[in-house]
Every structure is written in structure tokens, then in C-alpha cells.
Amino acid sequence: MGDDMSSRAQLFFTTATGSRIPVDQADSFLKRLNGLMGKREGHYGLLLSPCNSIHTCFMRYCLDAVFLDSQNRIIAIRSGMKPFRATPVIRKAAKVLEFPSSLHAVDHLGEGMEIHFN
């Protein structure tokens, strides 16, 4: 997959400040298993589906995770997850949207908000 995931992104997330972040989709077991492990910090996100819990094992940087229900409403946000950490299962979460913390993509997000991709 390489380190530049943005070349394959089919979705884009626009932050509150107008920054457009390419988002790759991890919708198979193998893609979810690999996730962002071993990737360099960059300008991209990853949408894991189905997913209700994540880990940051073998990560090289801190991660922000947005847990979404099936309608893309935010159930929970975990910011600044350090490498080699894990979340508990988040009830009602169907997807997880991950970003390198350095992007500050979750700064203006809150529970109950709906995420839109373009």
C-alpha cells in the first residue's frame, strides 16, 4: 500500500477550517487488520468498516479516532491515542474514522454530529 494513501482515496473529509483530507476505505478483514500500521504520518485518513474498537500497535505517531454509527453520526471521539494503546468496544459504533493527530481533523467535532464525505 505504501506510505502515500492519498493517491487511492475515494472519499474526502473536509475539516471545519476547510482543509480537505483524503480518506481511504478499509472495508475488508485484511485492510482493517493492516489499518495505518507502519505508515508514516501524513495528510490522510482511514475509514474502517465494520469496526467498533481499535488499537494503535506498531503505529509511528499519535492517532485521533472518530467512532460513527451506521448513519455516520459521531458516537465517541478518542484524541491523541499514543502508539500501543487500545480502545474498549464502543457500543453502537459501526465505523471508525482515523486521522494522524497532527492534522487536528477532529478539533471541531463532537458527539451527535454527522460526518459527511465528498
PDB file of N, CA and C in Angstrom:
ATOM      1  N   MET A   1       0.816  -1.185   0.000  1.00  0.00           N
ATOM      2  CA  MET A   1       0.000   0.000   0.000  1.00  0.00           C
ATOM      3  C   MET A   1       0.861   1.250   0.000  1.00  0.00           C
ATOM      4  N   GLY A   2       2.052   1.194   0.495  1.00  0.00           N
ATOM      5  CA  GLY A   2       2.918   2.369   0.508  1.00  0.00           C
ATOM      6  C   GLY A   2       2.505   3.371   1.555  1.00  0.00           C
ATOM      7  N   ASP A   3       3.282   4.429   1.677  1.00  0.00           N
ATOM      8  CA  ASP A   3       3.009   5.425   2.691  1.00  0.00           C
ATOM      9  C   ASP A   3       2.062   6.520   2.222  1.00  0.00           C
ATOM     10  N   ASP A   4       1.904   6.723   0.915  1.00  0.00           N
ATOM     11  CA  ASP A   4       1.035   7.780   0.430  1.00  0.00           C
ATOM     12  C   ASP A   4      -0.323   7.197   0.099  1.00  0.00           C
ATOM     13  N   MET A   5      -1.199   7.129   1.091  1.00  0.00           N
ATOM     14  CA  MET A   5      -2.519   6.554   0.906  1.00  0.00           C
ATOM     15  C   MET A   5      -3.420   7.474   0.104  1.00  0.00           C
ATOM     16  N   SER A   6      -3.108   8.764   0.044  1.00  0.00           N
ATOM     17  CA  SER A   6      -3.994   9.724  -0.609  1.00  0.00           C
ATOM     18  C   SER A   6      -4.178   9.454  -2.098  1.00  0.00           C
ATOM     19  N   SER A   7      -3.249   8.768  -2.728  1.00  0.00           N
ATOM     20  CA  SER A   7      -3.370   8.517  -4.159  1.00  0.00           C
ATOM     21  C   SER A   7      -4.510   7.548  -4.472  1.00  0.00           C
ATOM     22  N   ARG A   8      -4.997   6.802  -3.478  1.00  0.00           N
ATOM     23  CA  ARG A   8      -6.068   5.839  -3.709  1.00  0.00           C
ATOM     24  C   ARG A   8      -7.392   6.270  -3.089  1.00  0.00           C
ATOM     25  N   ALA A   9      -7.423   7.370  -2.399  1.00  0.00           N
ATOM     26  CA  ALA A   9      -8.617   7.768  -1.668  1.00  0.00           C
ATOM     27  C   ALA A   9      -9.801   7.989  -2.603  1.00  0.00           C
ATOM     28  N   GLN A  10     -10.936   7.471  -2.198  1.00  0.00           N
ATOM     29  CA  GLN A  10     -12.164   7.682  -2.937  1.00  0.00           C
ATOM     30  C   GLN A  10     -13.070   8.669  -2.202  1.00  0.00           C
ATOM     31  N   LEU A  11     -12.821   8.867  -0.931  1.00  0.00           N
ATOM     32  CA  LEU A  11     -13.606   9.773  -0.107  1.00  0.00           C
ATOM     33  C   LEU A  11     -12.731  10.930   0.343  1.00  0.00           C
ATOM     34  N   PHE A  12     -13.380  12.040   0.679  1.00  0.00           N
ATOM     35  CA  PHE A  12     -12.673  13.171   1.250  1.00  0.00           C
ATOM     36  C   PHE A  12     -13.467  13.697   2.426  1.00  0.00           C
ATOM     37  N   PHE A  13     -12.766  14.072   3.496  1.00  0.00           N
ATOM     38  CA  PHE A  13     -13.363  14.689   4.672  1.00  0.00           C
ATOM     39  C   PHE A  13     -12.898  16.136   4.706  1.00  0.00           C
ATOM     40  N   THR A  14     -13.831  17.060   4.854  1.00  0.00           N
ATOM     41  CA  THR A  14     -13.483  18.477   4.931  1.00  0.00           C
ATOM     42  C   THR A  14     -13.591  18.923   6.378  1.00  0.00           C
ATOM     43  N   THR A  15     -12.492  19.448   6.918  1.00  0.00           N
ATOM     44  CA  THR A  15     -12.465  19.899   8.307  1.00  0.00           C
ATOM     45  C   THR A  15     -13.224  21.220   8.445  1.00  0.00           C
ATOM     46  N   ALA A  16     -13.439  21.629   9.682  1.00  0.00           N
ATOM     47  CA  ALA A  16     -14.124  22.891   9.962  1.00  0.00           C
ATOM     48  C   ALA A  16     -13.355  24.087   9.405  1.00  0.00           C
ATOM     49  N   THR A  17     -12.052  23.936   9.235  1.00  0.00           N
ATOM     50  CA  THR A  17     -11.232  25.033   8.705  1.00  0.00           C
ATOM     51  C   THR A  17     -11.108  24.978   7.181  1.00  0.00           C
ATOM     52  N   GLY A  18     -11.780  24.006   6.543  1.00  0.00           N
ATOM     53  CA  GLY A  18     -11.787  23.922   5.086  1.00  0.00           C
ATOM     54  C   GLY A  18     -10.724  23.033   4.483  1.00  0.00           C
ATOM     55  N   SER A  19      -9.888  22.425   5.300  1.00  0.00           N
ATOM     56  CA  SER A  19      -8.865  21.514   4.787  1.00  0.00           C
ATOM     57  C   SER A  19      -9.539  20.226   4.316  1.00  0.00           C
ATOM     58  N   ARG A  20      -9.210  19.802   3.111  1.00  0.00           N
ATOM     59  CA  ARG A  20      -9.790  18.587   2.526  1.00  0.00           C
ATOM     60  C   ARG A  20      -8.811  17.438   2.706  1.00  0.00           C
ATOM     61  N   ILE A  21      -9.244  16.406   3.429  1.00  0.00           N
ATOM     62  CA  ILE A  21      -8.371  15.275   3.753  1.00  0.00           C
ATOM     63  C   ILE A  21      -8.848  14.030   3.009  1.00  0.00           C
ATOM     64  N   PRO A  22      -7.973  13.407   2.193  1.00  0.00           N
ATOM     65  CA  PRO A  22      -8.346  12.167   1.523  1.00  0.00           C
ATOM     66  C   PRO A  22      -8.489  11.033   2.547  1.00  0.00           C
ATOM     67  N   VAL A  23      -9.514  10.211   2.344  1.00  0.00           N
ATOM     68  CA  VAL A  23      -9.807   9.112   3.272  1.00  0.00           C
ATOM     69  C   VAL A  23      -9.872   7.812   2.490  1.00  0.00           C
ATOM     70  N   ASP A  24      -9.008   6.873   2.850  1.00  0.00           N
ATOM     71  CA  ASP A  24      -9.025   5.541   2.259  1.00  0.00           C
ATOM     72  C   ASP A  24     -10.045   4.699   3.019  1.00  0.00           C
ATOM     73  N   GLN A  25     -10.604   3.690   2.368  1.00  0.00           N
ATOM     74  CA  GLN A  25     -11.583   2.818   2.998  1.00  0.00           C
ATOM     75  C   GLN A  25     -10.970   1.460   3.300  1.00  0.00           C
ATOM     76  N   ALA A  26     -11.125   1.019   4.533  1.00  0.00           N
ATOM     77  CA  ALA A  26     -10.691  -0.318   4.938  1.00  0.00           C
ATOM     78  C   ALA A  26     -11.962  -1.118   5.212  1.00  0.00           C
ATOM     79  N   ASP A  27     -12.454  -1.792   4.182  1.00  0.00           N
ATOM     80  CA  ASP A  27     -13.730  -2.483   4.292  1.00  0.00           C
ATOM     81  C   ASP A  27     -13.614  -3.993   4.125  1.00  0.00           C
ATOM     82  N   SER A  28     -12.392  -4.506   4.238  1.00  0.00           N
ATOM     83  CA  SER A  28     -12.185  -5.949   4.229  1.00  0.00           C
ATOM     84  C   SER A  28     -11.370  -6.313   5.468  1.00  0.00           C
ATOM     85  N   PHE A  29     -11.385  -7.577   5.826  1.00  0.00           N
ATOM     86  CA  PHE A  29     -10.651  -8.004   7.025  1.00  0.00           C
ATOM     87  C   PHE A  29      -9.176  -7.631   6.936  1.00  0.00           C
ATOM     88  N   LEU A  30      -8.562  -7.901   5.815  1.00  0.00           N
ATOM     89  CA  LEU A  30      -7.126  -7.630   5.663  1.00  0.00           C
ATOM     90  C   LEU A  30      -6.818  -6.130   5.731  1.00  0.00           C
ATOM     91  N   LYS A  31      -7.629  -5.314   5.069  1.00  0.00           N
ATOM     92  CA  LYS A  31      -7.414  -3.858   5.112  1.00  0.00           C
ATOM     93  C   LYS A  31      -7.594  -3.319   6.529  1.00  0.00           C
ATOM     94  N   ARG A  32      -8.607  -3.826   7.247  1.00  0.00           N
ATOM     95  CA  ARG A  32      -8.817  -3.377   8.636  1.00  0.00           C
ATOM     96  C   ARG A  32      -7.683  -3.853   9.524  1.00  0.00           C
ATOM     97  N   LEU A  33      -7.213  -5.073   9.320  1.00  0.00           N
ATOM     98  CA  LEU A  33      -6.121  -5.621  10.123  1.00  0.00           C
ATOM     99  C   LEU A  33      -4.866  -4.772   9.971  1.00  0.00           C
ATOM    100  N   ASN A  34      -4.518  -4.397   8.743  1.00  0.00           N
ATOM    101  CA  ASN A  34      -3.326  -3.580   8.493  1.00  0.00           C
ATOM    102  C   ASN A  34      -3.529  -2.131   8.910  1.00  0.00           C
ATOM    103  N   GLY A  35      -4.709  -1.583   8.658  1.00  0.00           N
ATOM    104  CA  GLY A  35      -5.017  -0.215   9.049  1.00  0.00           C
ATOM    105  C   GLY A  35      -3.907   0.754   8.678  1.00  0.00           C
ATOM    106  N   LEU A  36      -3.486   1.558   9.634  1.00  0.00           N
ATOM    107  CA  LEU A  36      -2.412   2.529   9.413  1.00  0.00           C
ATOM    108  C   LEU A  36      -1.078   2.058   9.979  1.00  0.00           C
ATOM    109  N   MET A  37      -1.005   0.799  10.410  1.00  0.00           N
ATOM    110  CA  MET A  37       0.245   0.285  10.987  1.00  0.00           C
ATOM    111  C   MET A  37       1.395   0.435  10.002  1.00  0.00           C
ATOM    112  N   GLY A  38       2.488   0.941  10.492  1.00  0.00           N
ATOM    113  CA  GLY A  38       3.692   1.061   9.692  1.00  0.00           C
ATOM    114  C   GLY A  38       3.698   2.226   8.713  1.00  0.00           C
ATOM    115  N   LYS A  39       2.613   2.988   8.653  1.00  0.00           N
ATOM    116  CA  LYS A  39       2.535   4.121   7.728  1.00  0.00           C
ATOM    117  C   LYS A  39       3.177   5.356   8.363  1.00  0.00           C
ATOM    118  N   ARG A  40       3.763   6.176   7.541  1.00  0.00           N
ATOM    119  CA  ARG A  40       4.323   7.446   8.013  1.00  0.00           C
ATOM    120  C   ARG A  40       3.189   8.442   8.240  1.00  0.00           C
ATOM    121  N   GLU A  41       3.412   9.335   9.160  1.00  0.00           N
ATOM    122  CA  GLU A  41       2.442  10.389   9.429  1.00  0.00           C
ATOM    123  C   GLU A  41       2.282  11.236   8.172  1.00  0.00           C
ATOM    124  N   GLY A  42       1.047  11.522   7.807  1.00  0.00           N
ATOM    125  CA  GLY A  42       0.819  12.269   6.581  1.00  0.00           C
ATOM    126  C   GLY A  42      -0.543  12.928   6.568  1.00  0.00           C
ATOM    127  N   HIS A  43      -0.950  13.369   5.393  1.00  0.00           N
ATOM    128  CA  HIS A  43      -2.214  14.077   5.197  1.00  0.00           C
ATOM    129  C   HIS A  43      -3.232  13.094   4.619  1.00  0.00           C
ATOM    130  N   TYR A  44      -3.817  12.264   5.473  1.00  0.00           N
ATOM    131  CA  TYR A  44      -4.791  11.272   5.047  1.00  0.00           C
ATOM    132  C   TYR A  44      -5.565  10.756   6.244  1.00  0.00           C
ATOM    133  N   GLY A  45      -6.649  10.062   5.950  1.00  0.00           N
ATOM    134  CA  GLY A  45      -7.443   9.395   6.964  1.00  0.00           C
ATOM    135  C   GLY A  45      -7.772   7.991   6.500  1.00  0.00           C
ATOM    136  N   LEU A  46      -8.382   7.232   7.400  1.00  0.00           N
ATOM    137  CA  LEU A  46      -8.777   5.863   7.087  1.00  0.00           C
ATOM    138  C   LEU A  46     -10.128   5.604   7.729  1.00  0.00           C
ATOM    139  N   LEU A  47     -11.061   5.067   6.952  1.00  0.00           N
ATOM    140  CA  LEU A  47     -12.382   4.699   7.437  1.00  0.00           C
ATOM    141  C   LEU A  47     -12.459   3.187   7.525  1.00  0.00           C
ATOM    142  N   LEU A  48     -12.548   2.666   8.744  1.00  0.00           N
ATOM    143  CA  LEU A  48     -12.638   1.224   8.963  1.00  0.00           C
ATOM    144  C   LEU A  48     -14.102   0.847   9.144  1.00  0.00           C
ATOM    145  N   SER A  49     -14.566  -0.136   8.349  1.00  0.00           N
ATOM    146  CA  SER A  49     -15.963  -0.538   8.425  1.00  0.00           C
ATOM    147  C   SER A  49     -16.106  -2.007   8.032  1.00  0.00           C
ATOM    148  N   PRO A  50     -16.780  -2.809   8.836  1.00  0.00           N
ATOM    149  CA  PRO A  50     -17.329  -2.502  10.151  1.00  0.00           C
ATOM    150  C   PRO A  50     -16.222  -2.468  11.202  1.00  0.00           C
ATOM    151  N   CYS A  51     -16.444  -1.659  12.232  1.00  0.00           N
ATOM    152  CA  CYS A  51     -15.439  -1.525  13.284  1.00  0.00           C
ATOM    153  C   CYS A  51     -16.048  -0.822  14.494  1.00  0.00           C
ATOM    154  N   ASN A  52     -15.728  -1.310  15.700  1.00  0.00           N
ATOM    155  CA  ASN A  52     -16.195  -0.645  16.912  1.00  0.00           C
ATOM    156  C   ASN A  52     -15.125  -0.569  17.998  1.00  0.00           C
ATOM    157  N   SER A  53     -13.892  -0.911  17.653  1.00  0.00           N
ATOM    158  CA  SER A  53     -12.771  -0.843  18.589  1.00  0.00           C
ATOM    159  C   SER A  53     -11.490  -0.814  17.769  1.00  0.00           C
ATOM    160  N   ILE A  54     -10.485  -0.071  18.239  1.00  0.00           N
ATOM    161  CA  ILE A  54      -9.222  -0.005  17.500  1.00  0.00           C
ATOM    162  C   ILE A  54      -8.040  -0.162  18.452  1.00  0.00           C
ATOM    163  N   HIS A  55      -6.879  -0.403  17.848  1.00  0.00           N
ATOM    164  CA  HIS A  55      -5.617  -0.403  18.590  1.00  0.00           C
ATOM    165  C   HIS A  55      -4.612   0.429  17.805  1.00  0.00           C
ATOM    166  N   THR A  56      -3.558   0.851  18.477  1.00  0.00           N
ATOM    167  CA  THR A  56      -2.503   1.623  17.817  1.00  0.00           C
ATOM    168  C   THR A  56      -1.167   0.887  17.893  1.00  0.00           C
ATOM    169  N   CYS A  57      -1.228  -0.436  17.949  1.00  0.00           N
ATOM    170  CA  CYS A  57       0.002  -1.232  17.974  1.00  0.00           C
ATOM    171  C   CYS A  57       0.788  -1.005  16.683  1.00  0.00           C
ATOM    172  N   PHE A  58       2.077  -0.845  16.826  1.00  0.00           N
ATOM    173  CA  PHE A  58       3.013  -0.673  15.712  1.00  0.00           C
ATOM    174  C   PHE A  58       2.801   0.645  14.955  1.00  0.00           C
ATOM    175  N   MET A  59       2.095   1.589  15.562  1.00  0.00           N
ATOM    176  CA  MET A  59       1.929   2.910  14.955  1.00  0.00           C
ATOM    177  C   MET A  59       3.191   3.722  15.201  1.00  0.00           C
ATOM    178  N   ARG A  60       3.437   4.708  14.345  1.00  0.00           N
ATOM    179  CA  ARG A  60       4.615   5.569  14.456  1.00  0.00           C
ATOM    180  C   ARG A  60       4.259   6.950  15.001  1.00  0.00           C
ATOM    181  N   TYR A  61       2.985   7.218  15.228  1.00  0.00           N
ATOM    182  CA  TYR A  61       2.533   8.549  15.628  1.00  0.00           C
ATOM    183  C   TYR A  61       1.211   8.439  16.394  1.00  0.00           C
ATOM    184  N   CYS A  62       0.785   9.535  17.004  1.00  0.00           N
ATOM    185  CA  CYS A  62      -0.492   9.576  17.716  1.00  0.00           C
ATOM    186  C   CYS A  62      -1.637   9.646  16.708  1.00  0.00           C
ATOM    187  N   LEU A  63      -2.770   9.130  17.122  1.00  0.00           N
ATOM    188  CA  LEU A  63      -3.912   8.947  16.242  1.00  0.00           C
ATOM    189  C   LEU A  63      -5.159   9.547  16.889  1.00  0.00           C
ATOM    190  N   ASP A  64      -6.034  10.128  16.075  1.00  0.00           N
ATOM    191  CA  ASP A  64      -7.364  10.554  16.510  1.00  0.00           C
ATOM    192  C   ASP A  64      -8.365   9.598  15.872  1.00  0.00           C
ATOM    193  N   ALA A  65      -9.342   9.136  16.655  1.00  0.00           N
ATOM    194  CA  ALA A  65     -10.336   8.187  16.167  1.00  0.00           C
ATOM    195  C   ALA A  65     -11.738   8.725  16.421  1.00  0.00           C
ATOM    196  N   VAL A  66     -12.562   8.680  15.394  1.00  0.00           N
ATOM    197  CA  VAL A  66     -13.949   9.123  15.479  1.00  0.00           C
ATOM    198  C   VAL A  66     -14.821   7.887  15.255  1.00  0.00           C
ATOM    199  N   PHE A  67     -15.570   7.495  16.275  1.00  0.00           N
ATOM    200  CA  PHE A  67     -16.444   6.326  16.192  1.00  0.00           C
ATOM    201  C   PHE A  67     -17.808   6.776  15.687  1.00  0.00           C
ATOM    202  N   LEU A  68     -18.279   6.125  14.619  1.00  0.00           N
ATOM    203  CA  LEU A  68     -19.515   6.516  13.941  1.00  0.00           C
ATOM    204  C   LEU A  68     -20.539   5.396  13.986  1.00  0.00           C
ATOM    205  N   ASP A  69     -21.821   5.771  13.997  1.00  0.00           N
ATOM    206  CA  ASP A  69     -22.866   4.766  13.858  1.00  0.00           C
ATOM    207  C   ASP A  69     -23.099   4.507  12.365  1.00  0.00           C
ATOM    208  N   SER A  70     -24.089   3.725  12.029  1.00  0.00           N
ATOM    209  CA  SER A  70     -24.315   3.369  10.626  1.00  0.00           C
ATOM    210  C   SER A  70     -24.786   4.558   9.778  1.00  0.00           C
ATOM    211  N   GLN A  71     -25.238   5.631  10.426  1.00  0.00           N
ATOM    212  CA  GLN A  71     -25.679   6.837   9.725  1.00  0.00           C
ATOM    213  C   GLN A  71     -24.606   7.927   9.719  1.00  0.00           C
ATOM    214  N   ASN A  72     -23.365   7.573  10.110  1.00  0.00           N
ATOM    215  CA  ASN A  72     -22.220   8.487  10.187  1.00  0.00           C
ATOM    216  C   ASN A  72     -22.373   9.577  11.242  1.00  0.00           C
ATOM    217  N   ARG A  73     -23.156   9.302  12.282  1.00  0.00           N
ATOM    218  CA  ARG A  73     -23.229  10.203  13.426  1.00  0.00           C
ATOM    219  C   ARG A  73     -22.144   9.816  14.421  1.00  0.00           C
ATOM    220  N   ILE A  74     -21.529  10.805  15.028  1.00  0.00           N
ATOM    221  CA  ILE A  74     -20.424  10.566  15.952  1.00  0.00           C
ATOM    222  C   ILE A  74     -20.948  10.007  17.284  1.00  0.00           C
ATOM    223  N   ILE A  75     -20.424   8.842  17.648  1.00  0.00           N
ATOM    224  CA  ILE A  75     -20.756   8.184  18.911  1.00  0.00           C
ATOM    225  C   ILE A  75     -19.725   8.562  19.972  1.00  0.00           C
ATOM    226  N   ALA A  76     -18.449   8.600  19.583  1.00  0.00           N
ATOM    227  CA  ALA A  76     -17.356   8.902  20.519  1.00  0.00           C
ATOM    228  C   ALA A  76     -16.140   9.376  19.731  1.00  0.00           C
ATOM    229  N   ILE A  77     -15.279  10.124  20.417  1.00  0.00           N
ATOM    230  CA  ILE A  77     -14.021  10.583  19.833  1.00  0.00           C
ATOM    231  C   ILE A  77     -12.906  10.273  20.817  1.00  0.00           C
ATOM    232  N   ARG A  78     -11.822   9.706  20.316  1.00  0.00           N
ATOM    233  CA  ARG A  78     -10.619   9.463  21.123  1.00  0.00           C
ATOM    234  C   ARG A  78      -9.483  10.219  20.442  1.00  0.00           C
ATOM    235  N   SER A  79      -8.981  11.254  21.085  1.00  0.00           N
ATOM    236  CA  SER A  79      -7.930  12.094  20.510  1.00  0.00           C
ATOM    237  C   SER A  79      -6.575  11.769  21.113  1.00  0.00           C
ATOM    238  N   GLY A  80      -5.547  11.891  20.305  1.00  0.00           N
ATOM    239  CA  GLY A  80      -4.177  11.749  20.787  1.00  0.00           C
ATOM    240  C   GLY A  80      -3.829  10.370  21.309  1.00  0.00           C
ATOM    241  N   MET A  81      -4.380   9.329  20.686  1.00  0.00           N
ATOM    242  CA  MET A  81      -4.045   7.967  21.120  1.00  0.00           C
ATOM    243  C   MET A  81      -2.584   7.674  20.794  1.00  0.00           C
ATOM    244  N   LYS A  82      -1.822   7.374  21.805  1.00  0.00           N
ATOM    245  CA  LYS A  82      -0.404   7.073  21.626  1.00  0.00           C
ATOM    246  C   LYS A  82      -0.232   5.659  21.068  1.00  0.00           C
ATOM    247  N   PRO A  83       0.925   5.382  20.461  1.00  0.00           N
ATOM    248  CA  PRO A  83       1.184   4.028  19.973  1.00  0.00           C
ATOM    249  C   PRO A  83       1.065   2.985  21.089  1.00  0.00           C
ATOM    250  N   PHE A  84       0.636   1.797  20.703  1.00  0.00           N
ATOM    251  CA  PHE A  84       0.484   0.637  21.587  1.00  0.00           C
ATOM    252  C   PHE A  84      -0.597   0.834  22.644  1.00  0.00           C
ATOM    253  N   ARG A  85      -1.704   1.450  22.235  1.00  0.00           N
ATOM    254  CA  ARG A  85      -2.882   1.597  23.080  1.00  0.00           C
ATOM    255  C   ARG A  85      -4.062   0.944  22.367  1.00  0.00           C
ATOM    256  N   ALA A  86      -5.159   0.759  23.101  1.00  0.00           N
ATOM    257  CA  ALA A  86      -6.372   0.193  22.513  1.00  0.00           C
ATOM    258  C   ALA A  86      -7.595   0.844  23.153  1.00  0.00           C
ATOM    259  N   THR A  87      -8.677   0.863  22.403  1.00  0.00           N
ATOM    260  CA  THR A  87      -9.938   1.363  22.948  1.00  0.00           C
ATOM    261  C   THR A  87     -10.793   0.175  23.356  1.00  0.00           C
ATOM    262  N   PRO A  88     -11.701   0.385  24.285  1.00  0.00           N
ATOM    263  CA  PRO A  88     -12.699  -0.663  24.528  1.00  0.00           C
ATOM    264  C   PRO A  88     -13.674  -0.690  23.350  1.00  0.00           C
ATOM    265  N   VAL A  89     -14.525  -1.666  23.309  1.00  0.00           N
ATOM    266  CA  VAL A  89     -15.582  -1.711  22.300  1.00  0.00           C
ATOM    267  C   VAL A  89     -16.520  -0.539  22.576  1.00  0.00           C
ATOM    268  N   ILE A  90     -16.822   0.215  21.537  1.00  0.00           N
ATOM    269  CA  ILE A  90     -17.739   1.351  21.647  1.00  0.00           C
ATOM    270  C   ILE A  90     -19.108   0.877  21.157  1.00  0.00           C
ATOM    271  N   ARG A  91     -20.037   0.749  22.095  1.00  0.00           N
ATOM    272  CA  ARG A  91     -21.380   0.268  21.748  1.00  0.00           C
ATOM    273  C   ARG A  91     -22.011   1.156  20.696  1.00  0.00           C
ATOM    274  N   LYS A  92     -22.701   0.569  19.785  1.00  0.00           N
ATOM    275  CA  LYS A  92     -23.428   1.223  18.698  1.00  0.00           C
ATOM    276  C   LYS A  92     -22.530   1.776  17.594  1.00  0.00           C
ATOM    277  N   ALA A  93     -21.219   1.678  17.740  1.00  0.00           N
ATOM    278  CA  ALA A  93     -20.323   2.136  16.671  1.00  0.00           C
ATOM    279  C   ALA A  93     -20.309   1.097  15.551  1.00  0.00           C
ATOM    280  N   ALA A  94     -20.394   1.580  14.318  1.00  0.00           N
ATOM    281  CA  ALA A  94     -20.346   0.710  13.145  1.00  0.00           C
ATOM    282  C   ALA A  94     -19.084   0.941  12.328  1.00  0.00           C
ATOM    283  N   LYS A  95     -18.465   2.131  12.510  1.00  0.00           N
ATOM    284  CA  LYS A  95     -17.297   2.537  11.723  1.00  0.00           C
ATOM    285  C   LYS A  95     -16.368   3.355  12.609  1.00  0.00           C
ATOM    286  N   VAL A  96     -15.112   3.414  12.194  1.00  0.00           N
ATOM    287  CA  VAL A  96     -14.149   4.297  12.865  1.00  0.00           C
ATOM    288  C   VAL A  96     -13.378   5.056  11.798  1.00  0.00           C
ATOM    289  N   LEU A  97     -13.322   6.354  11.964  1.00  0.00           N
ATOM    290  CA  LEU A  97     -12.579   7.247  11.078  1.00  0.00           C
ATOM    291  C   LEU A  97     -11.316   7.666  11.820  1.00  0.00           C
ATOM    292  N   GLU A  98     -10.149   7.339  11.247  1.00  0.00           N
ATOM    293  CA  GLU A  98      -8.862   7.619  11.896  1.00  0.00           C
ATOM    294  C   GLU A  98      -8.088   8.679  11.125  1.00  0.00           C
ATOM    295  N   PHE A  99      -7.387   9.536  11.894  1.00  0.00           N
ATOM    296  CA  PHE A  99      -6.506  10.555  11.329  1.00  0.00           C
ATOM    297  C   PHE A  99      -5.240  10.652  12.169  1.00  0.00           C
ATOM    298  N   PRO A 100      -4.102  10.994  11.579  1.00  0.00           N
ATOM    299  CA  PRO A 100      -2.952  11.372  12.393  1.00  0.00           C
ATOM    300  C   PRO A 100      -3.342  12.593  13.244  1.00  0.00           C
ATOM    301  N   SER A 101      -2.999  12.580  14.517  1.00  0.00           N
ATOM    302  CA  SER A 101      -3.370  13.683  15.417  1.00  0.00           C
ATOM    303  C   SER A 101      -2.852  15.025  14.934  1.00  0.00           C
ATOM    304  N   SER A 102      -1.727  15.020  14.227  1.00  0.00           N
ATOM    305  CA  SER A 102      -1.121  16.269  13.761  1.00  0.00           C
ATOM    306  C   SER A 102      -2.015  17.036  12.784  1.00  0.00           C
ATOM    307  N   LEU A 103      -3.019  16.389  12.194  1.00  0.00           N
ATOM    308  CA  LEU A 103      -3.922  17.064  11.258  1.00  0.00           C
ATOM    309  C   LEU A 103      -4.972  17.918  11.970  1.00  0.00           C
ATOM    310  N   HIS A 104      -5.222  17.653  13.248  1.00  0.00           N
ATOM    311  CA  HIS A 104      -6.248  18.369  14.018  1.00  0.00           C
ATOM    312  C   HIS A 104      -7.610  18.279  13.341  1.00  0.00           C
ATOM    313  N   ALA A 105      -7.878  17.161  12.682  1.00  0.00           N
ATOM    314  CA  ALA A 105      -9.118  16.983  11.929  1.00  0.00           C
ATOM    315  C   ALA A 105     -10.344  16.886  12.830  1.00  0.00           C
ATOM    316  N   VAL A 106     -10.162  16.515  14.094  1.00  0.00           N
ATOM    317  CA  VAL A 106     -11.302  16.318  14.994  1.00  0.00           C
ATOM    318  C   VAL A 106     -11.525  17.503  15.929  1.00  0.00           C
ATOM    319  N   ASP A 107     -10.750  18.565  15.767  1.00  0.00           N
ATOM    320  CA  ASP A 107     -10.800  19.686  16.708  1.00  0.00           C
ATOM    321  C   ASP A 107     -12.188  20.293  16.892  1.00  0.00           C
ATOM    322  N   HIS A 108     -12.990  20.354  15.867  1.00  0.00           N
ATOM    323  CA  HIS A 108     -14.299  20.999  15.969  1.00  0.00           C
ATOM    324  C   HIS A 108     -15.447  19.997  15.852  1.00  0.00           C
ATOM    325  N   LEU A 109     -15.159  18.731  16.152  1.00  0.00           N
ATOM    326  CA  LEU A 109     -16.180  17.697  16.085  1.00  0.00           C
ATOM    327  C   LEU A 109     -16.668  17.371  17.490  1.00  0.00           C
ATOM    328  N   GLY A 110     -17.908  16.889  17.586  1.00  0.00           N
ATOM    329  CA  GLY A 110     -18.468  16.490  18.871  1.00  0.00           C
ATOM    330  C   GLY A 110     -19.471  15.373  18.697  1.00  0.00           C
ATOM    331  N   GLU A 111     -19.763  14.703  19.796  1.00  0.00           N
ATOM    332  CA  GLU A 111     -20.732  13.612  19.764  1.00  0.00           C
ATOM    333  C   GLU A 111     -22.078  14.118  19.259  1.00  0.00           C
ATOM    334  N   GLY A 112     -22.720  13.291  18.436  1.00  0.00           N
ATOM    335  CA  GLY A 112     -24.016  13.631  17.877  1.00  0.00           C
ATOM    336  C   GLY A 112     -23.941  14.300  16.519  1.00  0.00           C
ATOM    337  N   MET A 113     -22.795  14.853  16.173  1.00  0.00           N
ATOM    338  CA  MET A 113     -22.627  15.486  14.856  1.00  0.00           C
ATOM    339  C   MET A 113     -22.595  14.399  13.784  1.00  0.00           C
ATOM    340  N   GLU A 114     -22.984  14.769  12.580  1.00  0.00           N
ATOM    341  CA  GLU A 114     -22.937  13.825  11.457  1.00  0.00           C
ATOM    342  C   GLU A 114     -21.750  14.161  10.566  1.00  0.00           C
ATOM    343  N   ILE A 115     -21.029  13.119  10.165  1.00  0.00           N
ATOM    344  CA  ILE A 115     -19.874  13.273   9.289  1.00  0.00           C
ATOM    345  C   ILE A 115     -20.350  13.134   7.840  1.00  0.00           C
ATOM    346  N   HIS A 116     -19.853  14.017   6.983  1.00  0.00           N
ATOM    347  CA  HIS A 116     -20.158  13.957   5.557  1.00  0.00           C
ATOM    348  C   HIS A 116     -18.865  13.784   4.780  1.00  0.00           C
ATOM    349  N   PHE A 117     -18.904  12.927   3.797  1.00  0.00           N
ATOM    350  CA  PHE A 117     -17.770  12.712   2.899  1.00  0.00           C
ATOM    351  C   PHE A 117     -18.157  13.253   1.533  1.00  0.00           C
ATOM    352  N   ASN A 118     -17.152  13.736   0.801  1.00  0.00           N
ATOM    353  CA  ASN A 118     -17.427  14.197  -0.553  1.00  0.00           C
ATOM    354  C   ASN A 118     -16.347  13.708  -1.479  1.00  0.00           C
TER     355      ASN A 118
END
